[in-house]
Protein backbone atom coordinates (compact mmCIF):
# COMPACT_ATOMS: atom_id res chain seq x y z
CA MET A 1 71.08 84.79 58.44
CA THR A 2 71.39 88.48 58.19
CA ASP A 3 70.76 91.68 60.12
CA VAL A 4 70.42 93.62 56.84
CA PRO A 5 67.73 91.79 54.85
CA ASP A 6 67.36 92.32 51.14
CA PRO A 7 64.31 94.60 50.68
CA THR A 8 63.62 93.00 47.28
CA ARG A 9 62.98 89.53 48.73
CA HIS A 10 59.25 89.97 49.33
CA HIS A 11 56.95 88.37 46.79
CA PRO A 12 53.70 90.23 46.01
CA GLY A 13 51.59 87.09 46.54
CA THR A 14 52.85 86.52 50.09
CA PRO A 15 50.39 87.63 52.81
CA GLU A 16 51.63 90.64 54.74
CA PRO A 17 52.40 90.06 58.44
CA ARG A 18 50.37 91.70 61.20
CA VAL A 19 52.68 93.65 63.51
CA LEU A 20 52.63 94.87 67.11
CA ILE A 21 55.12 97.61 68.05
CA ALA A 22 56.29 97.71 71.69
CA ASP A 23 58.51 100.64 72.67
CA ASP A 24 58.34 103.18 75.48
CA GLN A 25 59.17 106.04 73.09
CA ALA A 26 56.07 107.33 71.32
CA LEU A 27 58.14 108.79 68.48
CA VAL A 28 59.72 105.39 67.77
CA ARG A 29 56.33 103.71 67.68
CA ALA A 30 54.87 106.40 65.44
CA GLY A 31 57.84 106.29 63.09
CA PHE A 32 57.82 102.51 62.75
CA ARG A 33 54.04 102.49 62.24
CA MET A 34 54.31 105.09 59.49
CA ILE A 35 57.11 103.20 57.75
CA LEU A 36 55.36 99.83 57.87
CA THR A 37 51.88 101.01 56.90
CA ALA A 38 53.33 102.97 53.97
CA ARG A 39 54.68 99.64 52.70
CA GLY A 40 51.42 97.76 53.07
CA ILE A 41 52.18 96.06 56.39
CA ASP A 42 49.34 96.09 58.91
CA VAL A 43 50.29 97.48 62.34
CA VAL A 44 47.58 96.02 64.57
CA GLY A 45 48.63 97.69 67.81
CA GLU A 46 51.17 99.50 69.96
CA ALA A 47 52.41 99.10 73.53
CA ALA A 48 54.36 101.51 75.73
CA ASP A 49 55.82 98.95 78.13
CA GLY A 50 56.38 95.23 78.52
CA ALA A 51 53.18 94.49 80.40
CA GLU A 52 51.12 96.24 77.73
CA ALA A 53 53.00 94.32 75.04
CA VAL A 54 52.17 90.93 76.59
CA ALA A 55 48.50 91.86 76.97
CA ALA A 56 48.30 93.24 73.43
CA ALA A 57 50.00 90.19 71.93
CA ARG A 58 47.58 87.88 73.76
CA ARG A 59 44.59 89.91 72.58
CA LEU A 60 45.64 90.75 69.01
CA ARG A 61 47.67 87.64 68.07
CA PRO A 62 50.11 89.48 65.76
CA ASP A 63 52.46 87.61 63.46
CA VAL A 64 55.46 89.73 64.49
CA VAL A 65 56.20 91.81 67.60
CA LEU A 66 58.87 94.49 67.47
CA MET A 67 59.92 94.53 71.12
CA ASP A 68 62.19 97.15 72.68
CA LEU A 69 64.72 95.58 75.06
CA ARG A 70 64.57 98.35 77.65
CA MET A 71 61.09 99.35 78.80
CA PRO A 72 59.51 100.29 82.16
CA ASN A 73 57.27 98.04 84.28
CA MET A 74 58.45 94.92 82.47
CA ASP A 75 61.58 94.78 80.30
CA GLY A 76 61.63 93.43 76.78
CA LEU A 77 63.21 90.11 77.72
CA GLU A 78 60.50 89.17 80.21
CA ALA A 79 57.82 90.49 77.86
CA ALA A 80 59.22 88.46 74.99
CA GLN A 81 59.29 85.28 77.07
CA ARG A 82 55.71 85.73 78.27
CA THR A 83 54.52 86.64 74.78
CA LEU A 84 56.05 83.50 73.26
CA GLU A 85 54.57 81.35 76.02
CA GLN A 86 51.09 82.72 75.39
CA ALA A 87 51.32 83.15 71.61
CA PRO A 88 53.85 80.54 70.43
CA ASP A 89 53.19 81.18 66.74
CA CYS A 90 54.28 84.81 67.08
CA ARG A 91 57.77 85.99 66.05
CA VAL A 92 59.51 88.44 68.35
CA VAL A 93 62.24 90.79 67.13
CA MET A 94 64.13 92.69 69.81
CA LEU A 95 64.79 96.38 69.19
CA THR A 96 68.09 97.77 70.42
CA THR A 97 70.37 100.76 69.94
CA PHE A 98 73.51 98.59 70.10
CA ASP A 99 74.70 96.09 67.48
CA LEU A 100 75.90 93.69 70.19
CA ASP A 101 73.57 94.15 73.12
CA ARG A 102 74.69 92.16 76.15
CA TYR A 103 71.30 90.44 76.36
CA ILE A 104 71.42 88.86 72.90
CA TYR A 105 72.09 85.32 74.13
CA THR A 106 69.25 85.41 76.64
CA ALA A 107 66.80 86.77 74.08
CA LEU A 108 67.65 84.07 71.55
CA ALA A 109 67.54 81.35 74.18
CA ILE A 110 63.97 82.28 75.14
CA GLY A 111 62.87 82.22 71.51
CA ALA A 112 63.37 85.68 69.98
CA SER A 113 63.93 85.60 66.22
CA GLY A 114 66.74 88.14 66.26
CA PHE A 115 67.70 91.77 66.72
CA LEU A 116 67.04 94.97 64.85
CA LEU A 117 68.80 98.30 65.36
CA LYS A 118 66.50 101.26 65.89
CA ASP A 119 68.32 103.24 63.21
CA VAL A 120 67.40 100.66 60.55
CA THR A 121 66.43 102.11 57.16
CA PRO A 122 62.73 102.12 56.25
CA ALA A 123 63.20 99.57 53.44
CA HIS A 124 65.13 97.21 55.69
CA LEU A 125 62.61 97.54 58.53
CA ALA A 126 59.81 96.31 56.27
CA ALA A 127 62.04 93.59 54.82
CA ALA A 128 63.05 92.43 58.30
CA VAL A 129 59.45 92.06 59.44
CA ARG A 130 58.62 90.04 56.35
CA LEU A 131 61.76 87.95 56.75
CA VAL A 132 61.10 86.78 60.31
CA ASN A 133 57.47 86.10 59.42
CA THR A 134 58.72 83.37 57.06
CA GLY A 135 60.75 81.70 59.84
CA ASP A 136 64.14 83.23 59.06
CA ALA A 137 66.21 85.10 61.64
CA LEU A 138 67.84 88.50 62.01
CA LEU A 139 71.30 87.67 63.27
CA ALA A 140 74.51 88.58 61.49
CA PRO A 141 77.29 85.96 61.27
CA SER A 142 79.60 88.34 63.14
CA ILE A 143 77.18 88.36 66.08
CA THR A 144 76.95 84.57 65.86
CA ARG A 145 80.74 84.34 66.18
CA ARG A 146 80.83 86.55 69.24
CA LEU A 147 77.97 84.64 70.83
CA VAL A 148 79.92 81.40 70.36
CA GLU A 149 83.01 82.98 71.90
CA ARG A 150 81.05 84.19 74.92
CA PHE A 151 79.40 80.81 75.39
CA ALA A 152 82.70 78.94 75.10
CA SER A 153 84.42 81.27 77.56
CA GLY A 154 81.84 80.39 80.19
CA ASP A 155 80.47 83.93 80.39
CA ARG A 156 76.92 83.18 81.51
CA ARG A 157 76.25 86.44 83.31
CA THR A 158 73.55 87.33 80.81
CA SER A 159 72.62 83.75 79.83
CA PRO A 160 70.35 81.14 81.36
CA ALA A 161 71.84 79.05 84.18
CA GLY A 162 72.82 76.42 81.65
CA PRO A 163 71.55 74.75 78.46
CA PRO A 164 69.11 71.87 78.74
CA PRO A 165 70.41 68.40 77.82
CA GLN A 166 70.20 68.73 74.04
CA ARG A 167 72.67 66.13 72.87
CA ARG A 168 70.12 63.31 72.86
CA ARG A 169 67.87 65.39 70.60
CA VAL A 170 70.71 66.17 68.19
CA ALA A 171 71.59 62.46 68.07
CA ALA A 172 68.26 61.91 66.28
CA LEU A 173 69.52 63.83 63.23
CA THR A 174 70.99 62.14 60.18
CA PRO A 175 74.61 62.91 59.25
CA ARG A 176 73.41 65.24 56.48
CA GLU A 177 71.03 67.03 58.85
CA LEU A 178 73.92 67.53 61.28
CA GLU A 179 75.93 69.14 58.46
CA VAL A 180 73.05 71.46 57.64
CA LEU A 181 72.51 72.38 61.31
CA THR A 182 76.23 73.11 61.71
CA LEU A 183 76.20 75.44 58.71
CA MET A 184 73.07 77.17 60.00
CA GLY A 185 74.92 77.66 63.27
CA ARG A 186 77.70 79.37 61.32
CA GLY A 187 75.19 81.82 59.89
CA ARG A 188 74.83 80.32 56.41
CA SER A 189 71.70 80.92 54.34
CA ASN A 190 69.94 78.09 52.51
CA THR A 191 71.58 79.19 49.26
CA GLU A 192 75.04 79.15 50.84
CA ILE A 193 74.42 75.75 52.44
CA ALA A 194 73.32 74.37 49.08
CA GLY A 195 76.55 75.59 47.49
CA GLU A 196 78.80 74.21 50.20
CA LEU A 197 77.13 70.78 50.27
CA SER A 198 76.46 70.55 46.51
CA LEU A 199 72.73 70.22 47.07
CA SER A 200 69.74 71.95 45.53
CA GLU A 201 68.21 74.75 47.58
CA ALA A 202 64.93 72.81 47.69
CA THR A 203 66.74 69.84 49.27
CA VAL A 204 68.32 72.13 51.86
CA LYS A 205 64.90 73.58 52.72
CA THR A 206 63.61 70.04 53.24
CA HIS A 207 66.51 69.26 55.59
CA VAL A 208 65.92 72.51 57.51
CA THR A 209 62.24 71.70 57.94
CA ARG A 210 63.06 68.22 59.23
CA ILE A 211 65.64 69.62 61.64
CA PHE A 212 63.14 72.10 63.05
CA THR A 213 60.56 69.33 63.46
CA LYS A 214 62.91 66.81 65.08
CA LEU A 215 64.41 69.35 67.48
CA SER A 216 61.24 71.37 68.13
CA LEU A 217 62.91 74.58 66.95
CA ARG A 218 60.94 77.70 66.09
CA ASP A 219 63.38 79.17 63.62
CA ARG A 220 67.01 79.63 62.60
CA ALA A 221 67.84 81.78 65.63
CA GLN A 222 67.12 78.84 67.92
CA ALA A 223 69.12 76.62 65.58
CA VAL A 224 72.16 78.86 66.14
CA VAL A 225 71.78 78.64 69.92
CA LEU A 226 71.45 74.86 69.77
CA ALA A 227 74.42 74.48 67.42
CA TYR A 228 76.84 76.06 69.86
CA GLU A 229 75.22 74.68 73.01
CA THR A 230 75.90 71.19 71.67
CA GLY A 231 79.39 71.97 70.37
CA LEU A 232 78.58 71.71 66.67
CA VAL A 233 79.94 75.25 66.31
CA ALA A 234 82.91 76.48 68.32
CA PRO A 235 85.30 79.45 68.39
CA GLY A 236 88.03 79.08 65.80
CA ASP A 237 85.94 77.08 63.35
CA PRO A 238 87.31 77.92 59.91
CA GLY A 239 83.89 78.53 58.44
CA LEU A 240 82.66 80.88 61.17
CA ALA A 241 82.37 84.49 60.01
C-alpha cells in the first residue's frame, strides 16, 4: 500500500469513479474539484461539514468520498462512519494536513480506505481516487509500522475500546492465506507479495479476494488493522517497513 500512488496506473478502459468532496474550506473543495474534473473524474457533489457529507453521500451514492477529518457540526470520523453504514459500497479517504494524524487508527477501524495529505500533487490526487476505487488503500508502510507500535503499546486513547474477537475468523484462513494477510499487514503490494512467496501476481490476487470474502473485509486498509489486532504483525517484525 502506498500514500503516493503511481499516476500512470490508471487504464483508459477503467470507468472513472464518481467523487464527493467534503471539506469546510471552500478553496480546498474548489481546488480538488478543478484538479479531478480536469483529469476526467466526475465530482458529483460537495459538502461543507460532516452532516452535509453524510446526506450527500446517501443521496448521490458516490464511489469515493474525500472527507476532511476536522469539520464543524460533525467531524470527519463520525461522518465517515455514518457514510459507510448508509453507503457500504463507498470508499472514504480522510483528508488531513498531518502525515501521522492521531486519529488514523480510529478512521481505519471504522472502514476508511486511507489518508491523503491536503498538499498532494494534482497527479497523485487523481491517482489516489482511482486507486481506492479499485479496493486498494492509501497507507504508507511507515504509517503501518507506527500504528502497530501504538496498538502494541496499549495506547487506545484514539482507538475503539478494543478489537472484536477476530481470532476465530482468522482461523478460517489457509496457511497460505495467513501468509498473504501477514504481508498485507506489513504494507506489501500484490507484486511484492508474489515475489516474496514465489507466486504469480494473479494467484496472489485470488488469495486476497478469498481473504476479503472470508473475513468480510472491505479493502487492504481493514486487512492491516486486522493483521495487527490478531498479532499477525507486531513491532520489531523484520519485514515491517
